[in-house]
Amino acid sequence: MSLPLQLPLGVQLRDDATFANYYAGRNEALVNMLDVERYPAGVTPEQFIYLYGSPGVGCSHLLQAACHQADAMGQRSIYLPMKELADYPPRLLEGIESLRLVCIDDISAIAGDRAWEEAFFHLFNKLREKGHRLLVAAEVAPRQLNICLPDLVSRMSWGMVFHVEPLTDQEKIMALRLRAHLRGMDMSDEVARYILHRGSRDMQYLFDVLGRLDGATLRAKRKLSVPFVKQVMGW
């Protein structure tokens, strides 16, 4: 897929960032807005969506899932994590309005930087004129971004704004079991609950544990059980 700019090395989509393996919990309405394959025939996707939430709730996952979906549909897209790119010149945004989908992650990383704010403001307007989609994610609501450019402050509230709710413990168990199932692993509620209560409740940590267990079950040719998890994880 050709792009109008050369991204710095290291900026790439996670292969496992899809809508299929995202357990929505109380965020079902948001996922329904982002996943254009759920739209009824003839319905146009929302052009601008702003989502925010605390670390670990899956904002980055959802933006990357949207890019994967756009690519699969033959639509050019780009994912820009601003925490990694804020030290680059704002001209990084030049020309990307030609893409059907632009996803800007961690927008707060450029808040207060006049040059970046102006570049993003112009990108916003160009995407709107072309009717292309823009998804933006942050840890805080639009009005809490500390943006200096008044016109950009107003733009950030033009579209749909969603607060991404963290999963409850029971929902985290369901998310673990969903990921395990998609990996071809049979995880019982007992095993999922044991994993949840033995380490960090951070979702990325839990999925990293699942990755280790996946490799271990393949090597040992054993099914998941609490004793096997204890053995692999050293708990």
Protein backbone atom coordinates (compact mmCIF):
# COMPACT_ATOMS: atom_id res chain seq x y z
CA MET A 1 0.00 0.00 0.00
CA SER A 2 1.55 3.30 -1.09
CA LEU A 3 1.38 6.27 1.27
CA PRO A 4 2.04 9.98 0.71
CA LEU A 5 4.84 9.95 3.31
CA GLN A 6 7.57 7.75 4.72
CA LEU A 7 6.86 6.87 8.33
CA PRO A 8 9.69 6.46 10.86
CA LEU A 9 10.75 2.90 11.52
CA GLY A 10 8.84 1.16 14.30
CA VAL A 11 5.41 2.61 13.51
CA GLN A 12 3.30 -0.34 12.49
CA LEU A 13 0.01 -2.02 13.29
CA ARG A 14 -0.22 -4.91 15.71
CA ASP A 15 -1.35 -8.03 13.89
CA ASP A 16 -3.70 -8.91 16.77
CA ALA A 17 -5.47 -5.54 16.79
CA THR A 18 -8.86 -6.46 15.32
CA PHE A 19 -12.49 -5.86 16.16
CA ALA A 20 -13.04 -9.63 16.38
CA ASN A 21 -10.76 -10.04 19.40
CA TYR A 22 -11.80 -6.87 21.24
CA TYR A 23 -14.19 -7.65 24.07
CA ALA A 24 -16.41 -4.59 24.09
CA GLY A 25 -18.12 -4.89 27.45
CA ARG A 26 -19.87 -1.57 28.06
CA ASN A 27 -18.27 -0.12 24.91
CA GLU A 28 -20.52 -1.91 22.44
CA ALA A 29 -21.96 1.36 21.07
CA LEU A 30 -18.47 2.65 20.29
CA VAL A 31 -17.40 -0.56 18.54
CA ASN A 32 -20.61 -0.45 16.51
CA MET A 33 -19.64 3.06 15.36
CA LEU A 34 -16.06 2.12 14.49
CA ASP A 35 -16.68 -1.24 12.82
CA VAL A 36 -18.10 -0.18 9.46
CA GLU A 37 -18.96 -3.79 8.59
CA ARG A 38 -21.71 -3.57 11.21
CA TYR A 39 -23.34 -0.64 9.42
CA PRO A 40 -26.60 -1.33 7.54
CA ALA A 41 -26.34 -1.10 3.77
CA GLY A 42 -26.38 2.48 2.53
CA VAL A 43 -25.44 4.03 5.88
CA THR A 44 -22.40 6.32 5.77
CA PRO A 45 -19.84 5.84 8.58
CA GLU A 46 -19.39 8.67 11.05
CA GLN A 47 -16.68 10.95 9.68
CA PHE A 48 -15.05 12.06 12.96
CA ILE A 49 -14.93 10.03 16.17
CA TYR A 50 -13.00 10.97 19.30
CA LEU A 51 -12.43 8.27 21.90
CA TYR A 52 -10.71 8.60 25.23
CA GLY A 53 -9.96 6.49 28.26
CA SER A 54 -7.34 5.44 30.79
CA PRO A 55 -4.32 3.36 29.70
CA GLY A 56 -5.19 -0.25 28.97
CA VAL A 57 -8.82 0.23 27.93
CA GLY A 58 -8.00 -0.42 24.27
CA CYS A 59 -8.09 2.95 22.47
CA SER A 60 -4.96 2.12 20.46
CA HIS A 61 -6.31 -1.36 19.72
CA LEU A 62 -9.52 0.08 18.29
CA LEU A 63 -7.74 2.63 16.08
CA GLN A 64 -5.47 -0.07 14.69
CA ALA A 65 -8.41 -2.41 14.19
CA ALA A 66 -10.10 0.28 12.10
CA CYS A 67 -6.95 0.56 9.96
CA HIS A 68 -6.76 -3.21 9.48
CA GLN A 69 -10.39 -3.22 8.40
CA ALA A 70 -9.92 -0.32 5.97
CA ASP A 71 -6.92 -2.04 4.42
CA ALA A 72 -8.90 -5.27 4.01
CA MET A 73 -11.59 -3.26 2.22
CA GLY A 74 -9.04 -1.80 -0.18
CA GLN A 75 -9.10 1.66 1.42
CA ARG A 76 -5.82 3.35 2.22
CA SER A 77 -5.34 4.24 5.88
CA ILE A 78 -2.71 5.34 8.35
CA TYR A 79 -2.13 5.01 12.10
CA LEU A 80 -0.06 7.74 13.78
CA PRO A 81 0.89 7.32 17.48
CA MET A 82 1.80 10.88 18.43
CA LYS A 83 3.75 9.93 21.55
CA GLU A 84 6.26 8.38 19.17
CA LEU A 85 6.05 11.06 16.48
CA ALA A 86 5.73 14.40 18.30
CA ASP A 87 9.47 15.08 17.97
CA TYR A 88 9.22 14.89 14.19
CA PRO A 89 8.30 18.00 12.15
CA PRO A 90 4.56 18.68 11.64
CA ARG A 91 4.99 18.28 7.88
CA LEU A 92 4.61 14.58 8.67
CA LEU A 93 0.87 15.24 8.24
CA GLU A 94 1.18 16.74 4.77
CA GLY A 95 -0.70 14.85 2.07
CA ILE A 96 -2.36 12.24 4.25
CA GLU A 97 -5.78 13.79 3.68
CA SER A 98 -5.79 11.71 0.49
CA LEU A 99 -6.22 8.57 2.63
CA ARG A 100 -9.72 7.30 3.33
CA LEU A 101 -8.99 6.79 7.03
CA VAL A 102 -6.58 8.65 9.32
CA CYS A 103 -6.14 7.49 12.92
CA ILE A 104 -4.34 9.82 15.33
CA ASP A 105 -3.42 8.21 18.66
CA ASP A 106 -2.34 10.07 21.82
CA ILE A 107 -3.34 13.46 20.44
CA SER A 108 -2.46 15.06 23.79
CA ALA A 109 1.24 14.59 22.92
CA ILE A 110 1.02 17.56 20.52
CA ALA A 111 -1.29 19.76 22.64
CA GLY A 112 0.37 23.08 23.34
CA ASP A 113 2.73 22.83 20.37
CA ARG A 114 1.53 25.63 18.09
CA ALA A 115 3.09 24.23 14.90
CA TRP A 116 1.64 20.77 15.43
CA GLU A 117 -1.77 22.14 16.41
CA GLU A 118 -1.94 24.22 13.24
CA ALA A 119 -0.87 21.26 11.09
CA PHE A 120 -3.53 19.06 12.66
CA PHE A 121 -6.14 21.81 12.31
CA HIS A 122 -5.47 22.02 8.56
CA LEU A 123 -5.51 18.22 8.25
CA PHE A 124 -8.86 18.11 10.05
CA ASN A 125 -10.36 20.62 7.61
CA LYS A 126 -8.96 18.87 4.54
CA LEU A 127 -10.29 15.48 5.65
CA ARG A 128 -13.69 17.01 6.33
CA GLU A 129 -13.78 18.61 2.88
CA LYS A 130 -12.93 15.30 1.21
CA GLY A 131 -15.41 13.34 3.31
CA HIS A 132 -12.68 11.06 4.63
CA ARG A 133 -12.72 9.55 8.12
CA LEU A 134 -10.71 10.72 11.12
CA LEU A 135 -10.41 8.80 14.38
CA VAL A 136 -8.64 10.43 17.31
CA ALA A 137 -7.74 8.89 20.68
CA ALA A 138 -6.47 10.35 23.96
CA GLU A 139 -6.56 9.68 27.68
CA VAL A 140 -8.75 12.72 28.37
CA ALA A 141 -11.87 14.35 26.95
CA PRO A 142 -11.46 16.98 24.17
CA ARG A 143 -11.93 19.95 26.51
CA GLN A 144 -9.14 18.66 28.79
CA LEU A 145 -6.46 18.52 26.09
CA ASN A 146 -4.94 21.95 26.88
CA ILE A 147 -5.00 22.85 23.19
CA CYS A 148 -4.00 26.48 22.58
CA LEU A 149 -5.56 27.02 19.15
CA PRO A 150 -9.20 28.08 19.79
CA ASP A 151 -10.49 26.92 16.40
CA LEU A 152 -8.99 23.46 16.98
CA VAL A 153 -10.65 23.25 20.40
CA SER A 154 -14.04 23.68 18.74
CA ARG A 155 -13.21 21.18 15.98
CA MET A 156 -12.42 18.46 18.51
CA SER A 157 -16.03 18.42 19.70
CA TRP A 158 -17.66 18.37 16.25
CA GLY A 159 -18.04 14.62 15.90
CA MET A 160 -18.97 11.72 18.14
CA VAL A 161 -17.14 11.60 21.50
CA PHE A 162 -16.91 8.33 23.42
CA HIS A 163 -15.46 7.54 26.83
CA VAL A 164 -13.98 4.03 26.64
CA GLU A 165 -15.01 2.28 29.84
CA PRO A 166 -12.57 -0.13 31.53
CA LEU A 167 -13.63 -3.75 31.82
CA THR A 168 -14.88 -5.15 35.11
CA ASP A 169 -13.09 -8.21 36.50
CA GLN A 170 -15.79 -10.48 35.09
CA GLU A 171 -15.48 -8.81 31.70
CA LYS A 172 -11.70 -9.26 31.80
CA ILE A 173 -12.29 -12.97 32.32
CA MET A 174 -14.57 -12.99 29.29
CA ALA A 175 -11.96 -11.05 27.29
CA LEU A 176 -9.28 -13.58 28.21
CA ARG A 177 -11.49 -16.48 27.21
CA LEU A 178 -12.36 -14.79 23.92
CA ARG A 179 -8.68 -14.26 23.04
CA ALA A 180 -7.89 -17.84 24.06
CA HIS A 181 -10.71 -19.16 21.89
CA LEU A 182 -9.48 -17.17 18.88
CA ARG A 183 -6.05 -18.73 19.41
CA GLY A 184 -7.61 -22.18 19.39
CA MET A 185 -7.23 -22.67 23.15
CA ASP A 186 -9.94 -23.99 25.45
CA MET A 187 -9.78 -21.83 28.59
CA SER A 188 -12.19 -22.53 31.41
CA ASP A 189 -13.64 -19.85 33.64
CA GLU A 190 -11.59 -21.33 36.50
CA VAL A 191 -8.29 -20.91 34.64
CA ALA A 192 -9.14 -17.38 33.49
CA ARG A 193 -10.10 -16.37 37.01
CA TYR A 194 -6.87 -17.83 38.38
CA ILE A 195 -4.78 -15.83 35.89
CA LEU A 196 -6.67 -12.64 36.70
CA HIS A 197 -6.10 -12.95 40.43
CA ARG A 198 -2.43 -13.97 40.31
CA GLY A 199 -0.85 -10.95 38.63
CA SER A 200 -1.58 -7.50 37.28
CA ARG A 201 -5.11 -6.79 36.09
CA ASP A 202 -3.74 -4.69 33.22
CA MET A 203 -5.16 -6.10 30.00
CA GLN A 204 -1.87 -6.03 28.09
CA TYR A 205 -0.24 -7.98 30.91
CA LEU A 206 -3.05 -10.53 30.83
CA PHE A 207 -2.75 -10.93 27.06
CA ASP A 208 1.03 -11.31 27.37
CA VAL A 209 0.43 -14.13 29.86
CA LEU A 210 -1.95 -15.69 27.37
CA GLY A 211 0.72 -15.51 24.68
CA ARG A 212 3.20 -17.34 26.89
CA LEU A 213 0.64 -20.00 27.70
CA ASP A 214 -0.23 -20.43 24.04
CA GLY A 215 3.38 -21.24 23.17
CA ALA A 216 3.74 -23.50 26.20
CA THR A 217 0.64 -25.56 25.39
CA LEU A 218 1.88 -26.11 21.84
CA ARG A 219 5.32 -27.23 23.00
CA ALA A 220 4.03 -29.47 25.80
CA LYS A 221 0.94 -30.60 23.85
CA ARG A 222 -1.15 -30.06 26.95
CA LYS A 223 -4.45 -28.36 27.62
CA LEU A 224 -4.80 -25.36 29.87
CA SER A 225 -5.35 -26.12 33.53
CA VAL A 226 -4.56 -24.32 36.76
CA PRO A 227 -1.62 -26.66 37.56
CA PHE A 228 -0.20 -26.14 34.06
CA VAL A 229 -0.50 -22.36 34.38
CA LYS A 230 1.26 -22.52 37.74
CA GLN A 231 4.07 -24.53 36.17
CA VAL A 232 4.54 -22.24 33.17
CA MET A 233 4.25 -18.94 35.03
CA GLY A 234 6.07 -20.02 38.19
CA TRP A 235 3.23 -18.94 40.43
